[in-house]
Amino acid sequence: MPATSLALGRTHAARSSAPSHWGRRGLAEALAVSAMMDYMLGSGLDEAKIQRALGLEDPDRQVTGELRPSLIAGYLMLYEGRLERSVDILSRLRERILERGQESDLPFMLSHLAWAECWRGDLQAAAVYCQESLECAASMGGEPLRCWSLAFGAVPAAYAGERDLATARAGVPGVGRPRWLPYRPVLGGVGAGAAGALAGDARAAGAALEPLLPMFEERGLPEPIVGFSCPTRSKRSSPWATCSGRNVC
């Protein structure tokens, strides 16, 4: 059975069993994850399912950060280009996380909040969120959070034309890449490519984006977030994705 079909089946099974096994609160996470899986597999956005998940969400429930209905809803709004809604959801989630002292969940949320602010054109807010993510990752310790924060942090810097900062975050020496974290080379490459393009250096931009070709040729687009930088398969096109006279995605 294909991995995607297996994952979808397990997600729907979890959603069906949630009311009896976990009650009202567990159903919120199951609905949100189900909506995300459906969306990633091409079924479109189930707005009713997301709204129900948000309505059932218990902000005091101890749950893995990535399963929070608000986080998933914010991601999906970003993927859909509904930036005001994404920022609203994620900003309120940030406040709840800070109030409850759950800072270890911040980098995952702040990175996408910063991305949404970039797309809205508020680069100052994006820079603040990226810095907060980096500071949080440093205080928590551990390479994965730092790697994640640096990868996403390269993109707002590139949008702002801060080439040195973008390239530094995209390829800081000594920062490895865990196998489960594919974002560093993708977003780091995008950040470095954007920095080069915005500085008028097409050669540097092409060199940064060229290494991403084999991954896309081999795997395609595994999720909407990766597609932001690939105009041939995404609804939106990136201004730097045709560097050096060719479409590098």
Protein backbone atom coordinates (compact mmCIF):
# COMPACT_ATOMS: atom_id res chain seq x y z
CA MET A 1 0.00 0.00 0.00
CA PRO A 2 1.43 3.43 -0.89
CA ALA A 3 2.66 5.39 2.12
CA THR A 4 0.25 8.23 1.42
CA SER A 5 -2.76 5.91 1.32
CA LEU A 6 -1.64 4.20 4.51
CA ALA A 7 -1.18 7.53 6.27
CA LEU A 8 -4.57 8.76 5.11
CA GLY A 9 -6.25 5.56 6.26
CA ARG A 10 -4.68 5.81 9.70
CA THR A 11 -5.64 9.45 9.99
CA HIS A 12 -9.28 8.77 9.15
CA ALA A 13 -9.28 5.82 11.54
CA ALA A 14 -7.95 8.06 14.31
CA ARG A 15 -10.65 10.61 13.55
CA SER A 16 -13.37 7.95 13.72
CA SER A 17 -12.11 6.52 17.02
CA ALA A 18 -11.38 9.88 18.66
CA PRO A 19 -14.83 10.46 20.23
CA SER A 20 -14.83 7.12 22.04
CA HIS A 21 -11.13 6.96 22.98
CA TRP A 22 -10.17 10.57 23.73
CA GLY A 23 -13.40 12.49 23.95
CA ARG A 24 -14.09 15.95 22.66
CA ARG A 25 -10.52 17.23 22.91
CA GLY A 26 -8.92 14.34 21.05
CA LEU A 27 -11.39 14.81 18.24
CA ALA A 28 -10.07 18.33 17.63
CA GLU A 29 -6.55 17.09 16.85
CA ALA A 30 -7.85 14.17 14.77
CA LEU A 31 -10.00 16.50 12.64
CA ALA A 32 -7.14 18.94 12.10
CA VAL A 33 -4.66 16.26 11.07
CA SER A 34 -7.27 14.70 8.79
CA ALA A 35 -7.83 18.06 7.10
CA MET A 36 -4.10 18.50 6.60
CA MET A 37 -3.69 15.01 5.12
CA ASP A 38 -6.65 15.52 2.77
CA TYR A 39 -5.19 18.83 1.63
CA MET A 40 -1.72 17.46 1.01
CA LEU A 41 -3.14 14.58 -1.00
CA GLY A 42 -5.01 16.92 -3.31
CA SER A 43 -8.53 16.86 -1.89
CA GLY A 44 -8.61 20.58 -1.26
CA LEU A 45 -9.31 22.51 1.90
CA ASP A 46 -12.16 21.22 4.07
CA GLU A 47 -13.11 24.50 5.71
CA ALA A 48 -15.89 22.97 7.78
CA LYS A 49 -13.54 20.37 9.24
CA ILE A 50 -10.96 23.01 10.18
CA GLN A 51 -13.57 25.24 11.79
CA ARG A 52 -14.91 22.30 13.79
CA ALA A 53 -11.39 21.42 14.93
CA LEU A 54 -10.78 25.00 16.05
CA GLY A 55 -14.10 25.05 17.88
CA LEU A 56 -13.24 21.85 19.77
CA GLU A 57 -9.64 22.82 20.53
CA ASP A 58 -8.76 22.99 24.22
CA PRO A 59 -5.89 25.50 24.70
CA ASP A 60 -4.97 23.88 28.03
CA ARG A 61 -4.67 20.38 26.62
CA GLN A 62 -1.13 18.96 26.65
CA VAL A 63 -0.50 17.84 23.09
CA THR A 64 2.45 17.62 20.71
CA GLY A 65 2.92 21.06 19.20
CA GLU A 66 2.63 19.89 15.61
CA LEU A 67 -0.83 18.47 16.31
CA ARG A 68 -2.37 21.68 17.60
CA PRO A 69 -5.47 22.49 15.53
CA SER A 70 -4.56 26.20 15.55
CA LEU A 71 -1.10 25.47 14.19
CA ILE A 72 -2.48 23.26 11.42
CA ALA A 73 -5.17 25.79 10.56
CA GLY A 74 -2.56 28.54 10.37
CA TYR A 75 -0.42 26.43 8.05
CA LEU A 76 -3.35 25.67 5.77
CA MET A 77 -4.35 29.32 5.55
CA LEU A 78 -0.77 30.13 4.58
CA TYR A 79 -0.74 27.40 1.94
CA GLU A 80 -3.99 28.84 0.55
CA GLY A 81 -2.56 32.35 0.44
CA ARG A 82 -5.08 33.64 2.99
CA LEU A 83 -2.42 35.56 4.79
CA GLU A 84 -4.50 37.76 7.09
CA ARG A 85 -6.29 34.71 8.43
CA SER A 86 -3.04 32.78 8.84
CA VAL A 87 -1.38 35.62 10.76
CA ASP A 88 -4.45 36.04 12.96
CA ILE A 89 -4.58 32.35 13.91
CA LEU A 90 -0.84 31.97 14.44
CA SER A 91 -0.50 35.24 16.38
CA ARG A 92 -3.18 34.17 18.84
CA LEU A 93 -1.52 30.77 19.15
CA ARG A 94 1.81 32.48 19.90
CA GLU A 95 0.20 34.41 22.74
CA ARG A 96 -1.25 31.23 24.24
CA ILE A 97 2.08 29.44 24.01
CA LEU A 98 3.89 32.28 25.77
CA GLU A 99 1.22 32.53 28.48
CA ARG A 100 1.60 28.82 29.25
CA GLY A 101 5.41 28.74 29.16
CA GLN A 102 5.53 26.26 26.26
CA GLU A 103 8.38 27.97 24.41
CA SER A 104 9.67 24.73 22.91
CA ASP A 105 6.71 24.89 20.50
CA LEU A 106 7.51 28.41 19.33
CA PRO A 107 10.09 27.81 16.53
CA PHE A 108 7.73 25.68 14.46
CA MET A 109 4.96 28.24 14.74
CA LEU A 110 7.08 31.40 14.45
CA SER A 111 8.78 30.25 11.25
CA HIS A 112 5.47 30.05 9.41
CA LEU A 113 4.19 33.23 11.03
CA ALA A 114 7.29 35.00 9.71
CA TRP A 115 6.71 33.52 6.26
CA ALA A 116 3.12 34.76 6.23
CA GLU A 117 4.30 38.23 7.23
CA CYS A 118 6.81 38.16 4.37
CA TRP A 119 4.05 37.45 1.92
CA ARG A 120 1.95 40.21 3.47
CA GLY A 121 4.85 42.60 2.96
CA ASP A 122 5.54 43.24 6.64
CA LEU A 123 9.26 42.40 6.60
CA GLN A 124 9.90 44.08 9.93
CA ALA A 125 7.42 41.81 11.69
CA ALA A 126 8.89 38.79 9.88
CA ALA A 127 12.38 39.71 11.04
CA VAL A 128 11.19 40.05 14.64
CA TYR A 129 9.53 36.63 14.57
CA CYS A 130 12.61 35.01 13.03
CA GLN A 131 14.84 36.51 15.68
CA GLU A 132 12.46 35.31 18.38
CA SER A 133 12.56 31.82 16.87
CA LEU A 134 16.37 31.80 16.83
CA GLU A 135 16.58 33.02 20.42
CA CYS A 136 14.06 30.42 21.53
CA ALA A 137 15.95 27.66 19.73
CA ALA A 138 19.21 28.76 21.35
CA SER A 139 17.67 28.74 24.82
CA MET A 140 16.09 25.32 24.28
CA GLY A 141 19.31 23.83 22.92
CA GLY A 142 19.56 21.10 20.34
CA GLU A 143 20.48 21.19 16.69
CA PRO A 144 17.08 20.46 15.09
CA LEU A 145 15.37 23.60 16.41
CA ARG A 146 18.34 25.77 15.47
CA CYS A 147 18.49 24.20 12.03
CA TRP A 148 14.80 24.80 11.49
CA SER A 149 14.97 28.41 12.66
CA LEU A 150 18.00 29.21 10.51
CA ALA A 151 16.42 27.68 7.42
CA PHE A 152 13.25 29.71 7.69
CA GLY A 153 15.14 32.77 8.90
CA ALA A 154 17.10 32.96 5.64
CA VAL A 155 14.00 33.70 3.58
CA PRO A 156 12.75 36.90 5.28
CA ALA A 157 16.30 38.24 5.23
CA ALA A 158 16.44 37.61 1.50
CA TYR A 159 13.10 39.35 0.93
CA ALA A 160 14.48 42.34 2.84
CA GLY A 161 17.55 42.43 0.59
CA GLU A 162 19.91 41.50 3.43
CA ARG A 163 22.09 39.27 1.32
CA ASP A 164 24.85 38.62 3.84
CA LEU A 165 22.42 37.69 6.59
CA ALA A 166 20.38 35.46 4.26
CA THR A 167 23.41 33.55 2.99
CA ALA A 168 24.83 33.25 6.51
CA ARG A 169 21.63 31.70 7.80
CA ALA A 170 21.30 29.51 4.74
CA GLY A 171 24.68 27.88 5.24
CA VAL A 172 26.08 28.33 8.74
CA PRO A 173 29.15 26.05 9.14
CA GLY A 174 28.80 23.32 11.69
CA VAL A 175 25.03 23.03 11.51
CA GLY A 176 24.17 19.57 10.34
CA ARG A 177 20.89 18.38 8.91
CA PRO A 178 19.00 15.55 10.61
CA ARG A 179 17.49 13.16 8.09
CA TRP A 180 13.99 14.01 9.26
CA LEU A 181 14.49 17.72 8.61
CA PRO A 182 14.45 18.38 4.85
CA TYR A 183 13.77 22.11 5.17
CA ARG A 184 17.35 23.27 5.69
CA PRO A 185 18.65 22.58 2.18
CA VAL A 186 15.36 23.58 0.57
CA LEU A 187 14.73 26.83 2.43
CA GLY A 188 18.42 27.56 2.80
CA GLY A 189 18.82 27.24 -0.96
CA VAL A 190 15.76 29.38 -1.57
CA GLY A 191 17.04 32.00 0.86
CA ALA A 192 20.49 32.10 -0.70
CA GLY A 193 18.98 32.14 -4.19
CA ALA A 194 16.65 34.97 -3.30
CA ALA A 195 19.51 36.93 -1.76
CA GLY A 196 21.54 36.60 -4.94
CA ALA A 197 18.65 37.51 -7.20
CA LEU A 198 17.67 40.55 -5.16
CA ALA A 199 21.29 41.72 -5.25
CA GLY A 200 21.31 41.38 -9.04
CA ASP A 201 23.68 38.43 -8.96
CA ALA A 202 21.98 35.83 -11.18
CA ARG A 203 25.04 33.57 -11.12
CA ALA A 204 24.97 33.32 -7.32
CA ALA A 205 21.21 32.77 -7.31
CA GLY A 206 21.46 30.00 -9.89
CA ALA A 207 24.29 28.31 -7.97
CA ALA A 208 22.21 28.32 -4.79
CA LEU A 209 19.08 26.91 -6.42
CA GLU A 210 20.69 24.44 -8.81
CA PRO A 211 21.38 21.77 -6.12
CA LEU A 212 17.65 21.55 -5.43
CA LEU A 213 16.89 20.21 -8.91
CA PRO A 214 17.64 16.52 -8.20
CA MET A 215 15.37 16.51 -5.16
CA PHE A 216 12.39 17.89 -7.08
CA GLU A 217 13.07 15.65 -10.08
CA GLU A 218 13.24 12.59 -7.84
CA ARG A 219 10.49 13.34 -5.33
CA GLY A 220 8.27 15.89 -7.00
CA LEU A 221 6.52 18.26 -4.60
CA PRO A 222 5.80 16.32 -1.39
CA GLU A 223 3.86 19.11 0.31
CA PRO A 224 2.50 22.60 -0.45
CA ILE A 225 5.14 24.49 1.53
CA VAL A 226 7.92 23.27 -0.79
CA GLY A 227 5.93 24.37 -3.81
CA PHE A 228 6.17 28.03 -2.85
CA SER A 229 9.46 28.24 -4.75
CA CYS A 230 8.50 26.26 -7.84
CA PRO A 231 6.42 28.28 -10.29
CA THR A 232 5.98 25.46 -12.79
CA ARG A 233 3.95 23.41 -10.30
CA SER A 234 2.70 26.00 -7.84
CA LYS A 235 -0.14 28.47 -8.23
CA ARG A 236 2.24 31.24 -7.27
CA SER A 237 5.62 31.97 -8.79
CA SER A 238 8.77 33.13 -7.08
CA PRO A 239 10.53 36.14 -8.59
CA TRP A 240 13.94 34.50 -8.30
CA ALA A 241 13.05 31.08 -9.70
CA THR A 242 14.11 31.83 -13.26
CA CYS A 243 17.67 32.89 -12.52
CA SER A 244 20.45 32.52 -15.07
CA GLY A 245 17.98 32.40 -17.94
CA ARG A 246 16.36 29.09 -16.93
CA ASN A 247 13.67 27.82 -14.68
CA VAL A 248 15.59 26.16 -11.87
CA CYS A 249 12.57 24.46 -10.34
